């Protein structure tokens, strides 16, 4: 299923991704550090929810208490847990 997550506390404003079972693919970010976020998207493609959480959860960007990677980990966990079946997660 395709998901859209609206981020909190980051330069990126939205993360889009596909989740099939526990595998994440086709990650894309709206706004933020374009080159870095393209790299993150490619690096996590095909990883499981747990693998992405292990790598990205808790990363802090400039004292914000979160980061684009941390927000991705949050988004995929919420999607995996079925918090919103419409595909839009806040």
N, C-alpha and C. Protein backbone atom coordinates (compact mmCIF):
# COMPACT_ATOMS: atom_id res chain seq x y z
N UNK A 1 0.85 -1.18 0.00
CA UNK A 1 0.00 0.00 0.00
C UNK A 1 0.89 1.24 0.00
N UNK A 2 0.45 2.28 -0.64
CA UNK A 2 1.16 3.56 -0.69
C UNK A 2 0.73 4.41 0.49
N UNK A 3 1.71 5.01 1.18
CA UNK A 3 1.45 5.85 2.34
C UNK A 3 2.01 7.24 2.13
N UNK A 4 1.37 8.20 2.79
CA UNK A 4 1.83 9.59 2.83
C UNK A 4 1.87 9.97 4.31
N UNK A 5 3.03 10.45 4.74
CA UNK A 5 3.21 10.85 6.14
C UNK A 5 3.62 12.32 6.18
N UNK A 6 2.92 13.12 6.96
CA UNK A 6 3.26 14.52 7.13
C UNK A 6 4.18 14.64 8.34
N UNK A 7 5.40 15.11 8.08
CA UNK A 7 6.45 15.12 9.11
C UNK A 7 6.23 16.23 10.14
N UNK A 8 6.95 16.11 11.24
CA UNK A 8 6.89 17.07 12.34
C UNK A 8 8.31 17.42 12.76
N UNK A 9 8.65 18.71 12.73
CA UNK A 9 9.94 19.17 13.24
C UNK A 9 11.11 19.00 12.30
N UNK A 10 10.87 18.82 11.00
CA UNK A 10 11.96 18.65 10.04
C UNK A 10 11.78 19.58 8.86
N UNK A 11 12.86 19.73 8.09
CA UNK A 11 12.80 20.54 6.87
C UNK A 11 11.91 19.87 5.81
N UNK A 12 11.96 18.55 5.76
CA UNK A 12 11.04 17.87 4.84
C UNK A 12 9.64 17.98 5.43
N UNK A 13 8.64 18.03 4.56
CA UNK A 13 7.27 18.22 5.02
C UNK A 13 6.41 16.97 4.85
N UNK A 14 6.91 16.04 4.04
CA UNK A 14 6.10 14.86 3.72
C UNK A 14 7.03 13.72 3.29
N UNK A 15 6.64 12.51 3.66
CA UNK A 15 7.35 11.31 3.21
C UNK A 15 6.32 10.39 2.57
N UNK A 16 6.64 9.89 1.39
CA UNK A 16 5.78 8.93 0.68
C UNK A 16 6.54 7.62 0.55
N UNK A 17 5.84 6.50 0.72
CA UNK A 17 6.49 5.20 0.63
C UNK A 17 5.47 4.11 0.42
N UNK A 18 5.95 2.97 -0.08
CA UNK A 18 5.13 1.77 -0.21
C UNK A 18 5.53 0.81 0.89
N UNK A 19 4.53 0.12 1.44
CA UNK A 19 4.77 -0.89 2.46
C UNK A 19 4.00 -2.14 2.06
N UNK A 20 4.74 -3.22 1.83
CA UNK A 20 4.15 -4.51 1.51
C UNK A 20 4.66 -5.49 2.55
N UNK A 21 3.75 -5.98 3.39
CA UNK A 21 4.20 -6.78 4.53
C UNK A 21 5.01 -5.87 5.44
N UNK A 22 6.27 -6.25 5.67
CA UNK A 22 7.13 -5.38 6.47
C UNK A 22 8.28 -4.79 5.64
N UNK A 23 8.17 -4.85 4.31
CA UNK A 23 9.20 -4.31 3.41
C UNK A 23 8.80 -2.93 2.90
N UNK A 24 9.76 -2.01 2.95
CA UNK A 24 9.54 -0.63 2.54
C UNK A 24 10.24 -0.37 1.21
N UNK A 25 9.52 0.24 0.26
CA UNK A 25 10.10 0.58 -1.03
C UNK A 25 9.58 1.94 -1.48
N UNK A 26 10.21 2.47 -2.53
CA UNK A 26 9.76 3.70 -3.19
C UNK A 26 9.60 4.87 -2.24
N UNK A 27 10.59 5.07 -1.36
CA UNK A 27 10.55 6.18 -0.42
C UNK A 27 10.91 7.47 -1.15
N UNK A 28 10.14 8.52 -0.89
CA UNK A 28 10.48 9.85 -1.40
C UNK A 28 10.08 10.89 -0.37
N UNK A 29 10.88 11.94 -0.32
CA UNK A 29 10.66 13.04 0.62
C UNK A 29 10.26 14.28 -0.16
N UNK A 30 9.42 15.12 0.43
CA UNK A 30 9.06 16.41 -0.13
C UNK A 30 9.77 17.47 0.70
N UNK A 31 10.53 18.32 0.03
CA UNK A 31 11.37 19.35 0.65
C UNK A 31 12.53 18.70 1.40
N UNK A 32 13.27 19.48 2.13
CA UNK A 32 14.41 18.97 2.86
C UNK A 32 15.68 18.98 2.02
N UNK A 33 16.72 18.34 2.49
CA UNK A 33 18.03 18.28 1.83
C UNK A 33 17.98 17.26 0.70
N UNK A 34 17.73 17.73 -0.49
CA UNK A 34 17.43 16.88 -1.64
C UNK A 34 18.43 15.74 -1.83
N UNK A 35 19.70 16.05 -1.92
CA UNK A 35 20.70 15.01 -2.16
C UNK A 35 20.75 13.98 -1.04
N UNK A 36 20.77 14.44 0.19
CA UNK A 36 20.82 13.52 1.33
C UNK A 36 19.57 12.64 1.40
N UNK A 37 18.43 13.22 1.13
CA UNK A 37 17.20 12.44 1.23
C UNK A 37 17.03 11.47 0.07
N UNK A 38 17.59 11.80 -1.09
CA UNK A 38 17.62 10.81 -2.17
C UNK A 38 18.49 9.62 -1.76
N UNK A 39 19.61 9.92 -1.10
CA UNK A 39 20.50 8.85 -0.64
C UNK A 39 19.80 7.97 0.40
N UNK A 40 19.13 8.60 1.36
CA UNK A 40 18.40 7.83 2.38
C UNK A 40 17.37 6.94 1.71
N UNK A 41 16.63 7.49 0.75
CA UNK A 41 15.60 6.73 0.06
C UNK A 41 16.18 5.49 -0.62
N UNK A 42 17.31 5.65 -1.27
CA UNK A 42 17.93 4.51 -1.95
C UNK A 42 18.49 3.50 -0.96
N UNK A 43 19.05 3.98 0.14
CA UNK A 43 19.67 3.08 1.11
C UNK A 43 18.65 2.22 1.85
N UNK A 44 17.45 2.73 2.05
CA UNK A 44 16.45 1.96 2.79
C UNK A 44 15.55 1.12 1.89
N UNK A 45 15.65 1.30 0.57
CA UNK A 45 14.77 0.58 -0.35
C UNK A 45 14.91 -0.93 -0.18
N UNK A 46 13.80 -1.58 0.11
CA UNK A 46 13.78 -3.03 0.28
C UNK A 46 14.06 -3.52 1.68
N UNK A 47 14.38 -2.60 2.61
CA UNK A 47 14.63 -3.01 3.99
C UNK A 47 13.30 -3.22 4.72
N UNK A 48 13.37 -3.91 5.84
CA UNK A 48 12.18 -4.13 6.66
C UNK A 48 11.96 -2.94 7.59
N UNK A 49 10.78 -2.88 8.14
CA UNK A 49 10.45 -1.85 9.13
C UNK A 49 11.48 -1.88 10.25
N UNK A 50 11.78 -3.06 10.75
CA UNK A 50 12.71 -3.20 11.87
C UNK A 50 14.12 -2.76 11.51
N UNK A 51 14.58 -3.10 10.31
CA UNK A 51 15.92 -2.70 9.87
C UNK A 51 16.03 -1.18 9.77
N UNK A 52 15.00 -0.55 9.25
CA UNK A 52 15.02 0.91 9.13
C UNK A 52 14.98 1.55 10.50
N UNK A 53 14.15 1.04 11.39
CA UNK A 53 14.11 1.57 12.75
C UNK A 53 15.47 1.45 13.43
N UNK A 54 16.11 0.30 13.30
CA UNK A 54 17.42 0.08 13.92
C UNK A 54 18.44 1.10 13.44
N UNK A 55 18.37 1.48 12.18
CA UNK A 55 19.35 2.40 11.59
C UNK A 55 19.01 3.88 11.82
N UNK A 56 17.74 4.24 11.82
CA UNK A 56 17.37 5.65 11.76
C UNK A 56 16.64 6.21 12.98
N UNK A 57 15.99 5.37 13.76
CA UNK A 57 15.21 5.86 14.90
C UNK A 57 16.13 6.55 15.90
N UNK A 58 15.72 7.75 16.31
CA UNK A 58 16.46 8.48 17.34
C UNK A 58 17.51 9.44 16.81
N UNK A 59 17.72 9.51 15.50
CA UNK A 59 18.67 10.48 14.96
C UNK A 59 18.11 11.87 15.16
N UNK A 60 18.97 12.76 15.69
CA UNK A 60 18.58 14.12 16.03
C UNK A 60 19.29 15.09 15.09
N UNK A 61 18.54 15.95 14.42
CA UNK A 61 19.11 16.93 13.50
C UNK A 61 19.14 18.31 14.16
N UNK A 62 20.32 18.81 14.43
CA UNK A 62 20.50 20.17 14.97
C UNK A 62 19.65 20.48 16.19
N UNK A 63 19.53 19.54 17.11
CA UNK A 63 18.81 19.77 18.36
C UNK A 63 17.30 19.81 18.24
N UNK A 64 16.77 19.36 17.12
CA UNK A 64 15.31 19.39 16.92
C UNK A 64 14.59 18.25 17.65
N UNK A 65 15.34 17.26 18.09
CA UNK A 65 14.72 16.12 18.74
C UNK A 65 14.24 15.07 17.75
N UNK A 66 14.43 15.32 16.48
CA UNK A 66 14.05 14.39 15.43
C UNK A 66 14.88 14.72 14.19
N UNK A 67 14.67 13.97 13.15
CA UNK A 67 15.35 14.18 11.86
C UNK A 67 14.48 13.57 10.78
N UNK A 68 14.85 13.78 9.54
CA UNK A 68 14.09 13.16 8.45
C UNK A 68 14.14 11.63 8.56
N UNK A 69 15.29 11.09 8.92
CA UNK A 69 15.41 9.64 9.10
C UNK A 69 14.56 9.14 10.25
N UNK A 70 14.59 9.87 11.36
CA UNK A 70 13.77 9.52 12.52
C UNK A 70 12.29 9.58 12.16
N UNK A 71 11.90 10.59 11.39
CA UNK A 71 10.51 10.70 10.96
C UNK A 71 10.11 9.55 10.04
N UNK A 72 11.04 9.12 9.18
CA UNK A 72 10.77 7.96 8.33
C UNK A 72 10.52 6.72 9.19
N UNK A 73 11.36 6.51 10.19
CA UNK A 73 11.19 5.36 11.08
C UNK A 73 9.83 5.43 11.79
N UNK A 74 9.43 6.60 12.22
CA UNK A 74 8.13 6.79 12.87
C UNK A 74 7.00 6.49 11.89
N UNK A 75 7.11 7.01 10.68
CA UNK A 75 6.06 6.84 9.67
C UNK A 75 5.85 5.38 9.32
N UNK A 76 6.95 4.67 9.08
CA UNK A 76 6.79 3.27 8.66
C UNK A 76 6.26 2.40 9.79
N UNK A 77 6.62 2.73 11.03
CA UNK A 77 6.08 1.97 12.18
C UNK A 77 4.58 2.21 12.28
N UNK A 78 4.16 3.46 12.16
CA UNK A 78 2.72 3.76 12.23
C UNK A 78 1.97 3.04 11.11
N UNK A 79 2.52 3.06 9.91
CA UNK A 79 1.88 2.37 8.79
C UNK A 79 1.82 0.87 9.04
N UNK A 80 2.92 0.30 9.50
CA UNK A 80 2.98 -1.14 9.76
C UNK A 80 1.99 -1.55 10.83
N UNK A 81 1.84 -0.70 11.85
CA UNK A 81 0.90 -1.00 12.94
C UNK A 81 -0.54 -0.73 12.55
N UNK A 82 -0.75 -0.20 11.32
CA UNK A 82 -2.11 0.03 10.84
C UNK A 82 -2.82 1.16 11.50
N UNK A 83 -2.08 2.21 11.89
CA UNK A 83 -2.72 3.33 12.60
C UNK A 83 -3.67 4.12 11.71
N UNK A 84 -3.50 4.04 10.39
CA UNK A 84 -4.43 4.72 9.49
C UNK A 84 -4.53 3.95 8.20
N UNK A 85 -5.65 3.35 7.96
CA UNK A 85 -5.84 2.52 6.77
C UNK A 85 -6.10 3.34 5.51
N UNK A 86 -6.24 4.66 5.64
CA UNK A 86 -6.49 5.50 4.46
C UNK A 86 -5.20 5.73 3.67
N UNK A 87 -4.06 5.47 4.28
CA UNK A 87 -2.77 5.72 3.63
C UNK A 87 -2.19 7.07 3.98
N UNK A 88 -2.93 7.89 4.73
CA UNK A 88 -2.42 9.20 5.16
C UNK A 88 -2.19 9.14 6.66
N UNK A 89 -0.95 9.46 7.06
CA UNK A 89 -0.57 9.34 8.47
C UNK A 89 -0.10 10.70 8.96
N UNK A 90 -0.52 11.08 10.16
CA UNK A 90 -0.09 12.35 10.76
C UNK A 90 0.75 12.09 11.98
